């Protein structure tokens, strides 16, 4: 039996099969956690915790899910767009030093299925994921950006090239080199056989 595509799982969830939410979490949370851990500036970690950011992103995804349109973007790409907006809001709050009182985590997650929050907790605590994060953080800054843009967000080489100020062929070649370095850790973290 082949694994259902993410779009199929999402359709089932939107049709009322709430158990599919756990599967959506399992598919996207590991990459999203790495994204959070890499995107939050180290100088602001005392104010923006990557684990808390991950939970806030999922809350926003759940709130905005009725507006998601498959024909405009893949679900993963859309989730990372939501993540970028949530992080931008958090950074603005830090910049102007207007921290809002944070709701108690148990109250915030009271409406989410317990199994779904368990998936998030497993993702952020995964030793393999933390080892992969350490490997990514040891890469030069441009290669870390490649992992963010291509490996986690899934952007095409042409977009990545524009972001990095290089051609799409150069972006593709650099990405292949990064893939070779991360291949074992990527697979061990449960993110698939290949980085790409």
N, C-alpha and C. Protein backbone atom coordinates (compact mmCIF):
# COMPACT_ATOMS: atom_id res chain seq x y z
N UNK A 1 0.84 -1.18 0.00
CA UNK A 1 0.00 0.00 0.00
C UNK A 1 0.89 1.25 0.00
N UNK A 2 0.62 2.18 -0.90
CA UNK A 2 1.43 3.38 -0.97
C UNK A 2 0.91 4.43 0.00
N UNK A 3 1.83 5.27 0.44
CA UNK A 3 1.47 6.32 1.38
C UNK A 3 0.65 7.39 0.66
N UNK A 4 -0.39 7.87 1.31
CA UNK A 4 -1.24 8.90 0.72
C UNK A 4 -0.46 10.20 0.57
N UNK A 5 -0.74 10.93 -0.50
CA UNK A 5 -0.12 12.23 -0.71
C UNK A 5 -0.63 13.19 0.36
N UNK A 6 0.18 14.21 0.64
CA UNK A 6 -0.22 15.20 1.63
C UNK A 6 -1.52 15.87 1.24
N UNK A 7 -1.72 16.12 -0.06
CA UNK A 7 -2.96 16.76 -0.50
C UNK A 7 -4.17 15.87 -0.20
N UNK A 8 -4.00 14.55 -0.30
CA UNK A 8 -5.08 13.62 0.01
C UNK A 8 -5.38 13.63 1.50
N UNK A 9 -4.33 13.61 2.31
CA UNK A 9 -4.50 13.65 3.77
C UNK A 9 -5.21 14.95 4.17
N UNK A 10 -4.80 16.06 3.57
CA UNK A 10 -5.42 17.34 3.86
C UNK A 10 -6.90 17.34 3.46
N UNK A 11 -7.21 16.78 2.30
CA UNK A 11 -8.61 16.70 1.86
C UNK A 11 -9.45 15.90 2.83
N UNK A 12 -8.90 14.79 3.31
CA UNK A 12 -9.63 13.97 4.29
C UNK A 12 -9.89 14.76 5.58
N UNK A 13 -8.86 15.48 6.02
CA UNK A 13 -9.01 16.28 7.24
C UNK A 13 -10.09 17.36 7.04
N UNK A 14 -10.02 18.05 5.92
CA UNK A 14 -10.99 19.12 5.65
C UNK A 14 -12.40 18.57 5.46
N UNK A 15 -12.51 17.29 5.14
CA UNK A 15 -13.82 16.65 4.98
C UNK A 15 -14.37 16.13 6.30
N UNK A 16 -13.64 16.35 7.37
CA UNK A 16 -14.16 15.98 8.68
C UNK A 16 -13.42 14.86 9.39
N UNK A 17 -12.42 14.24 8.74
CA UNK A 17 -11.66 13.18 9.38
C UNK A 17 -10.55 13.82 10.22
N UNK A 18 -10.90 14.20 11.45
CA UNK A 18 -9.98 14.95 12.30
C UNK A 18 -8.73 14.18 12.67
N UNK A 19 -8.77 12.87 12.58
CA UNK A 19 -7.58 12.06 12.87
C UNK A 19 -6.45 12.34 11.88
N UNK A 20 -6.78 12.86 10.71
CA UNK A 20 -5.77 13.16 9.69
C UNK A 20 -4.87 14.33 10.10
N UNK A 21 -5.31 15.11 11.08
CA UNK A 21 -4.48 16.22 11.55
C UNK A 21 -3.15 15.71 12.07
N UNK A 22 -3.17 14.58 12.76
CA UNK A 22 -1.94 13.99 13.29
C UNK A 22 -0.97 13.66 12.14
N UNK A 23 -1.50 13.15 11.05
CA UNK A 23 -0.66 12.82 9.90
C UNK A 23 -0.06 14.08 9.28
N UNK A 24 -0.84 15.15 9.17
CA UNK A 24 -0.31 16.42 8.65
C UNK A 24 0.84 16.91 9.52
N UNK A 25 0.63 16.85 10.84
CA UNK A 25 1.69 17.23 11.77
C UNK A 25 2.95 16.41 11.55
N UNK A 26 2.76 15.11 11.47
CA UNK A 26 3.91 14.20 11.34
C UNK A 26 4.70 14.49 10.06
N UNK A 27 4.02 14.91 9.02
CA UNK A 27 4.69 15.17 7.74
C UNK A 27 5.44 16.49 7.73
N UNK A 28 4.94 17.49 8.42
CA UNK A 28 5.50 18.83 8.27
C UNK A 28 6.26 19.32 9.50
N UNK A 29 5.90 18.88 10.69
CA UNK A 29 6.52 19.41 11.90
C UNK A 29 8.03 19.26 11.97
N UNK A 30 8.63 18.15 11.57
CA UNK A 30 10.09 18.09 11.67
C UNK A 30 10.79 19.19 10.84
N UNK A 31 10.36 19.38 9.61
CA UNK A 31 10.95 20.43 8.78
C UNK A 31 10.65 21.81 9.36
N UNK A 32 9.44 21.98 9.85
CA UNK A 32 9.04 23.26 10.41
C UNK A 32 9.83 23.57 11.68
N UNK A 33 10.10 22.55 12.49
CA UNK A 33 10.91 22.76 13.68
C UNK A 33 12.32 23.22 13.30
N UNK A 34 12.92 22.54 12.32
CA UNK A 34 14.26 22.95 11.88
C UNK A 34 14.23 24.39 11.37
N UNK A 35 13.20 24.73 10.62
CA UNK A 35 13.05 26.08 10.09
C UNK A 35 13.02 27.09 11.24
N UNK A 36 12.22 26.82 12.25
CA UNK A 36 12.13 27.72 13.41
C UNK A 36 13.48 27.87 14.10
N UNK A 37 14.13 26.74 14.33
CA UNK A 37 15.41 26.76 15.03
C UNK A 37 16.48 27.52 14.25
N UNK A 38 16.41 27.48 12.93
CA UNK A 38 17.39 28.19 12.10
C UNK A 38 17.02 29.65 11.88
N UNK A 39 15.75 29.96 11.87
CA UNK A 39 15.29 31.32 11.58
C UNK A 39 15.31 32.27 12.78
N UNK A 40 15.10 31.76 13.99
CA UNK A 40 15.09 32.65 15.16
C UNK A 40 16.54 33.09 15.43
N UNK A 41 16.79 34.39 15.40
CA UNK A 41 18.15 34.86 15.67
C UNK A 41 18.61 34.45 17.06
N UNK A 42 19.86 34.01 17.16
CA UNK A 42 20.39 33.54 18.45
C UNK A 42 20.27 34.61 19.52
N UNK A 43 20.43 35.86 19.15
CA UNK A 43 20.36 36.95 20.12
C UNK A 43 18.96 37.13 20.70
N UNK A 44 17.94 36.55 20.03
CA UNK A 44 16.56 36.70 20.51
C UNK A 44 15.97 35.41 21.07
N UNK A 45 16.79 34.37 21.21
CA UNK A 45 16.27 33.09 21.70
C UNK A 45 15.69 33.19 23.09
N UNK A 46 16.15 34.14 23.88
CA UNK A 46 15.59 34.30 25.23
C UNK A 46 14.19 34.89 25.18
N UNK A 47 13.80 35.44 24.02
CA UNK A 47 12.47 36.03 23.87
C UNK A 47 11.58 35.25 22.91
N UNK A 48 12.19 34.58 21.95
CA UNK A 48 11.42 33.78 20.99
C UNK A 48 11.99 32.36 21.02
N UNK A 49 11.29 31.48 21.67
CA UNK A 49 11.72 30.10 21.76
C UNK A 49 11.25 29.36 20.50
N UNK A 50 12.14 28.65 19.79
CA UNK A 50 11.72 27.94 18.58
C UNK A 50 10.57 26.95 18.81
N UNK A 51 10.55 26.28 19.97
CA UNK A 51 9.45 25.35 20.26
C UNK A 51 8.12 26.09 20.38
N UNK A 52 8.15 27.23 21.06
CA UNK A 52 6.93 28.04 21.20
C UNK A 52 6.50 28.60 19.85
N UNK A 53 7.48 29.00 19.05
CA UNK A 53 7.17 29.52 17.71
C UNK A 53 6.49 28.44 16.88
N UNK A 54 6.99 27.22 16.96
CA UNK A 54 6.39 26.10 16.23
C UNK A 54 4.93 25.93 16.62
N UNK A 55 4.64 25.98 17.89
CA UNK A 55 3.26 25.82 18.35
C UNK A 55 2.39 26.98 17.86
N UNK A 56 2.93 28.19 17.91
CA UNK A 56 2.17 29.35 17.44
C UNK A 56 1.88 29.24 15.94
N UNK A 57 2.83 28.74 15.19
CA UNK A 57 2.62 28.56 13.75
C UNK A 57 1.48 27.58 13.50
N UNK A 58 1.48 26.44 14.23
CA UNK A 58 0.40 25.46 14.03
C UNK A 58 -0.96 26.02 14.42
N UNK A 59 -0.99 26.83 15.46
CA UNK A 59 -2.26 27.47 15.82
C UNK A 59 -2.75 28.36 14.69
N UNK A 60 -1.85 29.12 14.11
CA UNK A 60 -2.22 30.01 13.01
C UNK A 60 -2.63 29.21 11.78
N UNK A 61 -1.91 28.13 11.50
CA UNK A 61 -2.27 27.27 10.37
C UNK A 61 -3.70 26.76 10.55
N UNK A 62 -4.03 26.31 11.76
CA UNK A 62 -5.37 25.79 12.02
C UNK A 62 -6.43 26.88 11.82
N UNK A 63 -6.11 28.09 12.25
CA UNK A 63 -7.07 29.19 12.11
C UNK A 63 -7.27 29.59 10.65
N UNK A 64 -6.19 29.52 9.87
CA UNK A 64 -6.25 29.97 8.47
C UNK A 64 -6.58 28.85 7.49
N UNK A 65 -6.59 27.62 7.95
CA UNK A 65 -6.79 26.49 7.05
C UNK A 65 -8.02 26.59 6.16
N UNK A 66 -9.14 27.12 6.63
CA UNK A 66 -10.29 27.25 5.72
C UNK A 66 -10.01 28.13 4.50
N UNK A 67 -9.03 29.01 4.59
CA UNK A 67 -8.71 29.89 3.47
C UNK A 67 -7.64 29.33 2.54
N UNK A 68 -7.04 28.20 2.90
CA UNK A 68 -6.00 27.60 2.06
C UNK A 68 -6.59 27.17 0.72
N UNK A 69 -5.89 27.51 -0.37
CA UNK A 69 -6.31 27.14 -1.72
C UNK A 69 -5.19 26.34 -2.39
N UNK A 70 -5.45 25.09 -2.63
CA UNK A 70 -4.46 24.17 -3.19
C UNK A 70 -3.90 24.66 -4.54
N UNK A 71 -4.75 25.29 -5.35
CA UNK A 71 -4.30 25.71 -6.68
C UNK A 71 -3.31 26.89 -6.62
N UNK A 72 -3.21 27.54 -5.48
CA UNK A 72 -2.28 28.67 -5.34
C UNK A 72 -0.91 28.24 -4.84
N UNK A 73 -0.85 27.19 -4.03
CA UNK A 73 0.43 26.74 -3.47
C UNK A 73 0.26 25.35 -2.87
N UNK A 74 1.37 24.61 -2.80
CA UNK A 74 1.31 23.33 -2.11
C UNK A 74 1.08 23.61 -0.62
N UNK A 75 0.58 22.62 0.09
CA UNK A 75 0.30 22.81 1.50
C UNK A 75 1.58 23.15 2.26
N UNK A 76 2.65 22.44 1.99
CA UNK A 76 3.93 22.71 2.66
C UNK A 76 4.38 24.14 2.41
N UNK A 77 4.32 24.58 1.17
CA UNK A 77 4.74 25.94 0.83
C UNK A 77 3.85 26.95 1.56
N UNK A 78 2.56 26.69 1.60
CA UNK A 78 1.63 27.58 2.29
C UNK A 78 1.94 27.65 3.79
N UNK A 79 2.21 26.49 4.40
CA UNK A 79 2.53 26.45 5.83
C UNK A 79 3.77 27.29 6.11
N UNK A 80 4.78 27.19 5.27
CA UNK A 80 5.99 27.98 5.48
C UNK A 80 5.74 29.47 5.27
N UNK A 81 4.80 29.81 4.41
CA UNK A 81 4.40 31.21 4.28
C UNK A 81 3.75 31.72 5.55
N UNK A 82 2.88 30.91 6.13
CA UNK A 82 2.27 31.26 7.42
C UNK A 82 3.36 31.40 8.48
N UNK A 83 4.31 30.47 8.47
CA UNK A 83 5.41 30.51 9.45
C UNK A 83 6.20 31.80 9.33
N UNK A 84 6.48 32.22 8.11
CA UNK A 84 7.24 33.46 7.91
C UNK A 84 6.48 34.66 8.47
N UNK A 85 5.17 34.67 8.30
CA UNK A 85 4.36 35.77 8.84
C UNK A 85 4.35 35.76 10.37
N UNK A 86 4.22 34.59 10.96
CA UNK A 86 4.22 34.49 12.43
C UNK A 86 5.57 34.94 12.98
N UNK A 87 6.65 34.49 12.37
CA UNK A 87 7.98 34.91 12.84
C UNK A 87 8.16 36.41 12.68
N UNK A 88 7.72 36.97 11.57
CA UNK A 88 7.84 38.43 11.37
C UNK A 88 7.10 39.19 12.47
N UNK A 89 5.92 38.71 12.83
CA UNK A 89 5.16 39.35 13.91
C UNK A 89 5.94 39.28 15.23
N UNK A 90 6.50 38.11 15.51
CA UNK A 90 7.27 37.93 16.75
C UNK A 90 8.49 38.85 16.77
N UNK A 91 9.17 38.97 15.64
CA UNK A 91 10.35 39.83 15.57
C UNK A 91 9.96 41.30 15.74
N UNK A 92 8.83 41.70 15.16
CA UNK A 92 8.37 43.08 15.35
C UNK A 92 8.07 43.35 16.82
N UNK A 93 7.44 42.42 17.48
CA UNK A 93 7.15 42.59 18.90
C UNK A 93 8.44 42.76 19.71
N UNK A 94 9.44 41.98 19.38
CA UNK A 94 10.72 42.09 20.09
C UNK A 94 11.37 43.43 19.79
N UNK A 95 11.27 43.85 18.56
CA UNK A 95 11.94 45.09 18.14
C UNK A 95 11.37 46.29 18.88
N UNK A 96 10.08 46.36 19.04
CA UNK A 96 9.48 47.51 19.71
C UNK A 96 9.27 47.24 21.20
N UNK A 97 9.73 46.09 21.66
CA UNK A 97 9.66 45.72 23.07
C UNK A 97 8.24 45.78 23.64
N UNK A 98 7.29 45.35 22.82
CA UNK A 98 5.91 45.31 23.29
C UNK A 98 5.44 43.86 23.32
N UNK A 99 5.97 43.15 24.27
CA UNK A 99 5.60 41.75 24.39
C UNK A 99 4.17 41.65 24.94
N UNK A 100 3.37 40.89 24.24
CA UNK A 100 2.02 40.64 24.73
C UNK A 100 2.08 39.53 25.77
N UNK A 101 1.18 39.56 26.71
CA UNK A 101 1.12 38.49 27.69
C UNK A 101 0.77 37.20 26.96
N UNK A 102 1.53 36.16 27.24
CA UNK A 102 1.29 34.90 26.55
C UNK A 102 0.29 34.07 27.33
N UNK A 103 -0.61 33.49 26.58
CA UNK A 103 -1.63 32.64 27.19
C UNK A 103 -0.98 31.38 27.73
N UNK A 104 -1.58 30.82 28.72
CA UNK A 104 -1.11 29.57 29.28
C UNK A 104 -1.17 28.50 28.20
N UNK A 105 -0.07 27.77 28.01
CA UNK A 105 0.01 26.79 26.92
C UNK A 105 -1.10 25.75 27.01
N UNK A 106 -1.48 25.35 28.20
CA UNK A 106 -2.53 24.34 28.29
C UNK A 106 -3.87 24.89 27.81
N UNK A 107 -4.12 26.18 28.05
CA UNK A 107 -5.37 26.78 27.58
C UNK A 107 -5.34 26.96 26.08
N UNK A 108 -4.19 27.36 25.53
CA UNK A 108 -4.07 27.59 24.10
C UNK A 108 -4.31 26.30 23.33
N UNK A 109 -3.81 25.19 23.85
CA UNK A 109 -3.90 23.94 23.12
C UNK A 109 -5.08 23.07 23.55
N UNK A 110 -5.97 23.61 24.34
CA UNK A 110 -7.11 22.82 24.83
C UNK A 110 -7.99 22.30 23.70
N UNK A 111 -8.07 23.05 22.60
CA UNK A 111 -8.94 22.65 21.49
C UNK A 111 -8.27 21.71 20.50
N UNK A 112 -6.95 21.51 20.62
CA UNK A 112 -6.26 20.62 19.70
C UNK A 112 -6.30 19.19 20.22
N UNK A 113 -6.41 18.24 19.32
CA UNK A 113 -6.38 16.84 19.77
C UNK A 113 -5.08 16.53 20.49
N UNK A 114 -5.15 15.77 21.56
CA UNK A 114 -3.95 15.42 22.33
C UNK A 114 -2.92 14.73 21.47
N UNK A 115 -3.37 13.91 20.54
CA UNK A 115 -2.42 13.21 19.67
C UNK A 115 -1.63 14.18 18.82
N UNK A 116 -2.24 15.27 18.39
CA UNK A 116 -1.55 16.25 17.54
C UNK A 116 -0.47 16.97 18.33
N UNK A 117 -0.76 17.38 19.55
CA UNK A 117 0.27 18.05 20.33
C UNK A 117 1.38 17.07 20.69
N UNK A 118 1.06 15.80 20.83
CA UNK A 118 2.09 14.79 21.06
C UNK A 118 3.04 14.68 19.89
N UNK A 119 2.54 14.82 18.67
CA UNK A 119 3.40 14.79 17.49
C UNK A 119 4.39 15.94 17.53
N UNK A 120 3.91 17.12 17.89
CA UNK A 120 4.80 18.28 17.99
C UNK A 120 5.87 18.02 19.03
N UNK A 121 5.47 17.52 20.18
CA UNK A 121 6.44 17.27 21.24
C UNK A 121 7.47 16.24 20.81
N UNK A 122 7.03 15.19 20.11
CA UNK A 122 7.99 14.20 19.63
C UNK A 122 8.95 14.80 18.62
N UNK A 123 8.44 15.65 17.75
CA UNK A 123 9.28 16.26 16.72
C UNK A 123 10.37 17.13 17.33
N UNK A 124 10.01 17.95 18.30
CA UNK A 124 11.00 18.86 18.85
C UNK A 124 11.99 18.16 19.77
N UNK A 125 11.63 17.00 20.26
CA UNK A 125 12.53 16.30 21.16
C UNK A 125 13.37 15.23 20.46
N UNK A 126 13.12 15.02 19.22
CA UNK A 126 13.82 13.96 18.50
C UNK A 126 15.33 14.21 18.48
N UNK A 127 16.06 13.26 19.00
CA UNK A 127 17.52 13.39 19.04
C UNK A 127 18.10 13.48 17.63
N UNK A 128 17.56 12.70 16.71
CA UNK A 128 18.05 12.74 15.34
C UNK A 128 17.84 14.12 14.72
N UNK A 129 16.72 14.73 15.03
CA UNK A 129 16.42 16.06 14.52
C UNK A 129 17.40 17.07 15.09
N UNK A 130 17.71 16.94 16.36
CA UNK A 130 18.67 17.85 16.98
C UNK A 130 20.07 17.66 16.40
N UNK A 131 20.44 16.43 16.11
CA UNK A 131 21.75 16.18 15.47
C UNK A 131 21.80 16.80 14.08
N UNK A 132 20.69 16.66 13.34
CA UNK A 132 20.62 17.28 12.01
C UNK A 132 20.73 18.79 12.14
N UNK A 133 20.03 19.38 13.09
CA UNK A 133 20.11 20.82 13.30
C UNK A 133 21.55 21.24 13.57
N UNK A 134 22.24 20.49 14.41
CA UNK A 134 23.66 20.79 14.69
C UNK A 134 24.51 20.74 13.44
N UNK A 135 24.26 19.75 12.58
CA UNK A 135 25.00 19.64 11.32
C UNK A 135 24.71 20.83 10.41
N UNK A 136 23.46 21.25 10.36
CA UNK A 136 23.09 22.40 9.52
C UNK A 136 23.74 23.67 10.06
N UNK A 137 23.74 23.83 11.37
CA UNK A 137 24.32 25.03 11.97
C UNK A 137 25.82 25.12 11.79
N UNK A 138 26.47 24.01 11.49
CA UNK A 138 27.91 24.02 11.23
C UNK A 138 28.24 24.39 9.79
N UNK A 139 27.22 24.43 8.93
CA UNK A 139 27.44 24.82 7.54
C UNK A 139 27.71 26.31 7.44
N UNK A 140 28.40 26.75 6.38
CA UNK A 140 28.55 28.20 6.16
C UNK A 140 27.17 28.84 5.98
N UNK A 141 27.04 30.14 6.29
CA UNK A 141 25.74 30.81 6.23
C UNK A 141 25.00 30.65 4.89
N UNK A 142 25.69 30.72 3.77
CA UNK A 142 25.00 30.58 2.48
C UNK A 142 24.41 29.17 2.31
N UNK A 143 25.12 28.16 2.80
CA UNK A 143 24.61 26.80 2.72
C UNK A 143 23.44 26.59 3.68
N UNK A 144 23.47 27.26 4.82
CA UNK A 144 22.32 27.20 5.73
C UNK A 144 21.09 27.80 5.05
N UNK A 145 21.27 28.89 4.32
CA UNK A 145 20.15 29.50 3.58
C UNK A 145 19.63 28.53 2.52
N UNK A 146 20.52 27.79 1.88
CA UNK A 146 20.09 26.78 0.91
C UNK A 146 19.19 25.74 1.57
N UNK A 147 19.59 25.29 2.76
CA UNK A 147 18.79 24.29 3.48
C UNK A 147 17.42 24.87 3.81
N UNK A 148 17.40 26.11 4.28
CA UNK A 148 16.13 26.76 4.60
C UNK A 148 15.24 26.87 3.37
N UNK A 149 15.79 27.45 2.31
CA UNK A 149 14.97 27.77 1.14
C UNK A 149 14.60 26.55 0.31
N UNK A 150 15.55 25.67 0.08
CA UNK A 150 15.30 24.51 -0.79
C UNK A 150 14.85 23.28 0.00
N UNK A 151 15.63 22.93 1.02
CA UNK A 151 15.35 21.70 1.75
C UNK A 151 14.13 21.74 2.63
N UNK A 152 13.91 22.87 3.31
CA UNK A 152 12.78 22.95 4.23
C UNK A 152 11.55 23.58 3.59
N UNK A 153 11.73 24.72 2.93
CA UNK A 153 10.58 25.39 2.32
C UNK A 153 10.21 24.78 0.97
N UNK A 154 11.15 24.07 0.34
CA UNK A 154 10.86 23.41 -0.93
C UNK A 154 10.78 24.35 -2.13
N UNK A 155 11.46 25.48 -2.05
CA UNK A 155 11.42 26.43 -3.17
C UNK A 155 12.21 25.90 -4.36
N UNK A 156 11.81 26.26 -5.57
CA UNK A 156 12.55 25.82 -6.76
C UNK A 156 13.93 26.50 -6.84
N UNK A 157 14.86 25.87 -7.57
CA UNK A 157 16.22 26.39 -7.68
C UNK A 157 16.25 27.81 -8.21
N UNK A 158 15.36 28.13 -9.13
CA UNK A 158 15.34 29.48 -9.69
C UNK A 158 15.07 30.53 -8.60
N UNK A 159 14.08 30.27 -7.75
CA UNK A 159 13.78 31.19 -6.64
C UNK A 159 14.94 31.28 -5.66
N UNK A 160 15.54 30.14 -5.37
CA UNK A 160 16.67 30.10 -4.45
C UNK A 160 17.82 30.91 -5.02
N UNK A 161 18.08 30.76 -6.31
CA UNK A 161 19.14 31.52 -6.96
C UNK A 161 18.92 33.02 -6.85
N UNK A 162 17.69 33.44 -7.04
CA UNK A 162 17.37 34.87 -6.93
C UNK A 162 17.62 35.35 -5.50
N UNK A 163 17.17 34.57 -4.52
CA UNK A 163 17.37 34.94 -3.10
C UNK A 163 18.85 35.08 -2.75
N UNK A 164 19.67 34.19 -3.32
CA UNK A 164 21.09 34.17 -2.98
C UNK A 164 21.93 35.02 -3.93
N UNK A 165 21.31 35.56 -4.97
CA UNK A 165 22.05 36.39 -5.92
C UNK A 165 22.96 35.59 -6.83
N UNK A 166 22.54 34.35 -7.14
CA UNK A 166 23.30 33.48 -8.04
C UNK A 166 22.32 32.91 -9.06
N UNK A 167 22.84 32.27 -10.08
CA UNK A 167 21.98 31.66 -11.09
C UNK A 167 21.33 30.39 -10.57
N UNK A 168 20.29 29.95 -11.27
CA UNK A 168 19.59 28.75 -10.82
C UNK A 168 20.45 27.50 -10.95
N UNK A 169 21.31 27.45 -11.95
CA UNK A 169 22.21 26.29 -12.10
C UNK A 169 23.22 26.25 -10.95
N UNK A 170 23.75 27.42 -10.59
CA UNK A 170 24.69 27.48 -9.45
C UNK A 170 23.98 27.06 -8.17
N UNK A 171 22.73 27.50 -8.00
CA UNK A 171 21.96 27.12 -6.81
C UNK A 171 21.77 25.60 -6.78
N UNK A 172 21.47 25.03 -7.94
CA UNK A 172 21.27 23.58 -8.00
C UNK A 172 22.56 22.82 -7.67
N UNK A 173 23.70 23.27 -8.21
CA UNK A 173 24.97 22.59 -7.94
C UNK A 173 25.34 22.71 -6.46
N UNK A 174 25.18 23.88 -5.88
CA UNK A 174 25.49 24.05 -4.46
C UNK A 174 24.56 23.20 -3.60
N UNK A 175 23.30 23.13 -4.01
CA UNK A 175 22.34 22.32 -3.26
C UNK A 175 22.75 20.85 -3.28
N UNK A 176 23.20 20.36 -4.42
CA UNK A 176 23.63 18.95 -4.49
C UNK A 176 24.79 18.67 -3.55
N UNK A 177 25.73 19.62 -3.45
CA UNK A 177 26.86 19.44 -2.52
C UNK A 177 26.38 19.39 -1.08
N UNK A 178 25.44 20.28 -0.74
CA UNK A 178 24.89 20.29 0.62
C UNK A 178 24.15 18.98 0.89
N UNK A 179 23.42 18.49 -0.09
CA UNK A 179 22.69 17.23 0.06
C UNK A 179 23.63 16.08 0.40
N UNK A 180 24.75 16.04 -0.27
CA UNK A 180 25.71 14.96 -0.01
C UNK A 180 26.21 15.00 1.43
N UNK A 181 26.43 16.20 1.95
CA UNK A 181 26.92 16.33 3.32
C UNK A 181 25.86 15.94 4.35
N UNK A 182 24.61 16.21 4.05
CA UNK A 182 23.54 16.01 5.04
C UNK A 182 22.75 14.72 4.86
N UNK A 183 23.00 13.99 3.80
CA UNK A 183 22.16 12.84 3.43
C UNK A 183 21.89 11.88 4.59
N UNK A 184 22.93 11.44 5.29
CA UNK A 184 22.74 10.46 6.37
C UNK A 184 21.93 11.04 7.52
N UNK A 185 22.28 12.22 7.97
CA UNK A 185 21.56 12.84 9.09
C UNK A 185 20.10 13.11 8.71
N UNK A 186 19.88 13.53 7.46
CA UNK A 186 18.52 13.85 6.99
C UNK A 186 17.65 12.61 7.07
N UNK A 187 18.17 11.50 6.56
CA UNK A 187 17.40 10.25 6.58
C UNK A 187 17.18 9.76 8.00
N UNK A 188 18.21 9.87 8.85
CA UNK A 188 18.09 9.42 10.25
C UNK A 188 17.05 10.23 11.02
N UNK A 189 16.85 11.50 10.61
CA UNK A 189 15.86 12.36 11.27
C UNK A 189 14.45 12.07 10.80
N UNK A 190 14.32 11.13 9.85
CA UNK A 190 12.99 10.76 9.39
C UNK A 190 12.40 11.70 8.35
N UNK A 191 13.27 12.43 7.65
CA UNK A 191 12.80 13.39 6.67
C UNK A 191 12.86 12.84 5.25
N UNK A 192 13.01 11.54 5.12
CA UNK A 192 13.04 10.93 3.81
C UNK A 192 14.44 10.43 3.45
N UNK A 193 14.52 9.70 2.38
CA UNK A 193 15.80 9.13 1.96
C UNK A 193 16.77 10.19 1.45
N UNK A 194 16.24 11.21 0.80
CA UNK A 194 17.13 12.25 0.29
C UNK A 194 16.74 13.59 0.85
N UNK A 195 17.70 14.51 0.85
CA UNK A 195 17.47 15.85 1.36
C UNK A 195 16.49 16.57 0.46
N UNK A 196 16.58 16.36 -0.84
CA UNK A 196 15.75 17.09 -1.81
C UNK A 196 14.41 16.44 -1.98
